[in-house]
Amino acid sequence: MTKSSANDQWFQNRAQQQIHLDQFKAAELFNGRAAMLGIVIGILTEAITGAGIVHQIGLGALVDGYAACRTQFLPFCF
């Protein structure tokens, strides 16, 4: 392998790494914005309906069971 060929290979690898990093940054930016939008929609829905975010996604029974255990309304806890 000549010096020129080795340099070309290094530049190609570096360019590939830079492209991957740019794609990763774009994906993380999109994920962060989607998460923020989801939280805002959940809070607005909570304000309108009165049901918490946990109840909105169907996990309300777990929270209610935990609250019942903490207040000792149930004879047993899970």
C-alpha atoms as a PDB file:
ATOM      1  CA  MET A   1       0.000   0.000   0.000  1.00  0.00           C
ATOM      2  CA  THR A   2       1.455   3.335  -0.997  1.00  0.00           C
ATOM      3  CA  LYS A   3       1.450   6.432   1.147  1.00  0.00           C
ATOM      4  CA  SER A   4      -1.101   8.082  -1.148  1.00  0.00           C
ATOM      5  CA  SER A   5      -3.399   5.084  -0.918  1.00  0.00           C
ATOM      6  CA  ALA A   6      -3.131   5.028   2.883  1.00  0.00           C
ATOM      7  CA  ASN A   7      -3.962   8.742   3.051  1.00  0.00           C
ATOM      8  CA  ASP A   8      -6.944   8.257   0.759  1.00  0.00           C
ATOM      9  CA  GLN A   9      -8.204   5.420   2.946  1.00  0.00           C
ATOM     10  CA  TRP A  10      -7.799   7.550   6.091  1.00  0.00           C
ATOM     11  CA  PHE A  11      -9.714  10.454   4.541  1.00  0.00           C
ATOM     12  CA  GLN A  12     -12.497   8.125   3.390  1.00  0.00           C
ATOM     13  CA  ASN A  13     -12.808   6.617   6.869  1.00  0.00           C
ATOM     14  CA  ARG A  14     -12.821  10.064   8.451  1.00  0.00           C
ATOM     15  CA  ALA A  15     -15.481  11.300   6.020  1.00  0.00           C
ATOM     16  CA  GLN A  16     -17.605   8.234   6.754  1.00  0.00           C
ATOM     17  CA  GLN A  17     -17.298   8.864  10.499  1.00  0.00           C
ATOM     18  CA  GLN A  18     -18.272  12.509  10.033  1.00  0.00           C
ATOM     19  CA  ILE A  19     -21.342  11.569   7.967  1.00  0.00           C
ATOM     20  CA  HIS A  20     -22.379   9.041  10.625  1.00  0.00           C
ATOM     21  CA  LEU A  21     -21.938  11.649  13.374  1.00  0.00           C
ATOM     22  CA  ASP A  22     -24.020  14.194  11.444  1.00  0.00           C
ATOM     23  CA  GLN A  23     -26.803  11.637  10.939  1.00  0.00           C
ATOM     24  CA  PHE A  24     -26.675  10.728  14.629  1.00  0.00           C
ATOM     25  CA  LYS A  25     -26.961  14.388  15.643  1.00  0.00           C
ATOM     26  CA  ALA A  26     -29.949  14.883  13.324  1.00  0.00           C
ATOM     27  CA  ALA A  27     -31.686  11.790  14.715  1.00  0.00           C
ATOM     28  CA  GLU A  28     -31.110  12.880  18.313  1.00  0.00           C
ATOM     29  CA  LEU A  29     -32.399  16.363  17.537  1.00  0.00           C
ATOM     30  CA  PHE A  30     -35.569  14.871  16.050  1.00  0.00           C
ATOM     31  CA  ASN A  31     -36.020  12.504  19.038  1.00  0.00           C
ATOM     32  CA  GLY A  32     -35.619  15.368  21.499  1.00  0.00           C
ATOM     33  CA  ARG A  33     -38.168  17.512  19.701  1.00  0.00           C
ATOM     34  CA  ALA A  34     -40.633  14.607  19.479  1.00  0.00           C
ATOM     35  CA  ALA A  35     -40.232  13.954  23.215  1.00  0.00           C
ATOM     36  CA  MET A  36     -40.836  17.604  24.079  1.00  0.00           C
ATOM     37  CA  LEU A  37     -43.915  17.661  21.872  1.00  0.00           C
ATOM     38  CA  GLY A  38     -45.226  14.480  23.500  1.00  0.00           C
ATOM     39  CA  ILE A  39     -44.807  15.901  26.996  1.00  0.00           C
ATOM     40  CA  VAL A  40     -46.567  19.140  26.064  1.00  0.00           C
ATOM     41  CA  ILE A  41     -49.464  17.217  24.480  1.00  0.00           C
ATOM     42  CA  GLY A  42     -49.688  14.984  27.576  1.00  0.00           C
ATOM     43  CA  ILE A  43     -49.770  17.967  29.922  1.00  0.00           C
ATOM     44  CA  LEU A  44     -52.401  19.732  27.832  1.00  0.00           C
ATOM     45  CA  THR A  45     -54.522  16.586  27.734  1.00  0.00           C
ATOM     46  CA  GLU A  46     -54.144  16.255  31.494  1.00  0.00           C
ATOM     47  CA  ALA A  47     -55.302  19.846  31.939  1.00  0.00           C
ATOM     48  CA  ILE A  48     -58.339  19.270  29.710  1.00  0.00           C
ATOM     49  CA  THR A  49     -59.440  15.793  30.874  1.00  0.00           C
ATOM     50  CA  GLY A  50     -58.093  15.629  34.413  1.00  0.00           C
ATOM     51  CA  ALA A  51     -56.509  12.216  33.743  1.00  0.00           C
ATOM     52  CA  GLY A  52     -52.787  12.102  34.450  1.00  0.00           C
ATOM     53  CA  ILE A  53     -50.202  11.103  31.881  1.00  0.00           C
ATOM     54  CA  VAL A  54     -49.798   7.674  33.471  1.00  0.00           C
ATOM     55  CA  HIS A  55     -53.545   7.080  33.160  1.00  0.00           C
ATOM     56  CA  GLN A  56     -53.497   8.320  29.564  1.00  0.00           C
ATOM     57  CA  ILE A  57     -51.002   5.639  28.526  1.00  0.00           C
ATOM     58  CA  GLY A  58     -52.905   2.895  30.359  1.00  0.00           C
ATOM     59  CA  LEU A  59     -50.726   2.418  33.441  1.00  0.00           C
ATOM     60  CA  GLY A  60     -53.116   4.089  35.860  1.00  0.00           C
ATOM     61  CA  ALA A  61     -53.958   0.852  37.650  1.00  0.00           C
ATOM     62  CA  LEU A  62     -50.337   0.421  38.680  1.00  0.00           C
ATOM     63  CA  VAL A  63     -50.193   3.915  40.138  1.00  0.00           C
ATOM     64  CA  ASP A  64     -53.566   3.523  41.816  1.00  0.00           C
ATOM     65  CA  GLY A  65     -52.467   0.190  43.315  1.00  0.00           C
ATOM     66  CA  TYR A  66     -49.284   1.750  44.609  1.00  0.00           C
ATOM     67  CA  ALA A  67     -51.212   4.655  46.127  1.00  0.00           C
ATOM     68  CA  ALA A  68     -53.596   2.200  47.777  1.00  0.00           C
ATOM     69  CA  CYS A  69     -50.643   0.293  49.247  1.00  0.00           C
ATOM     70  CA  ARG A  70     -49.033   3.480  50.494  1.00  0.00           C
ATOM     71  CA  THR A  71     -52.255   4.565  52.190  1.00  0.00           C
ATOM     72  CA  GLN A  72     -52.866   1.003  53.450  1.00  0.00           C
ATOM     73  CA  PHE A  73     -56.271   0.599  51.806  1.00  0.00           C
ATOM     74  CA  LEU A  74     -55.263  -2.891  50.654  1.00  0.00           C
ATOM     75  CA  PRO A  75     -54.458  -5.763  52.992  1.00  0.00           C
ATOM     76  CA  PHE A  76     -51.569  -6.788  50.715  1.00  0.00           C
ATOM     77  CA  CYS A  77     -49.180  -5.006  48.394  1.00  0.00           C
ATOM     78  CA  PHE A  78     -47.487  -6.205  45.234  1.00  0.00           C
END
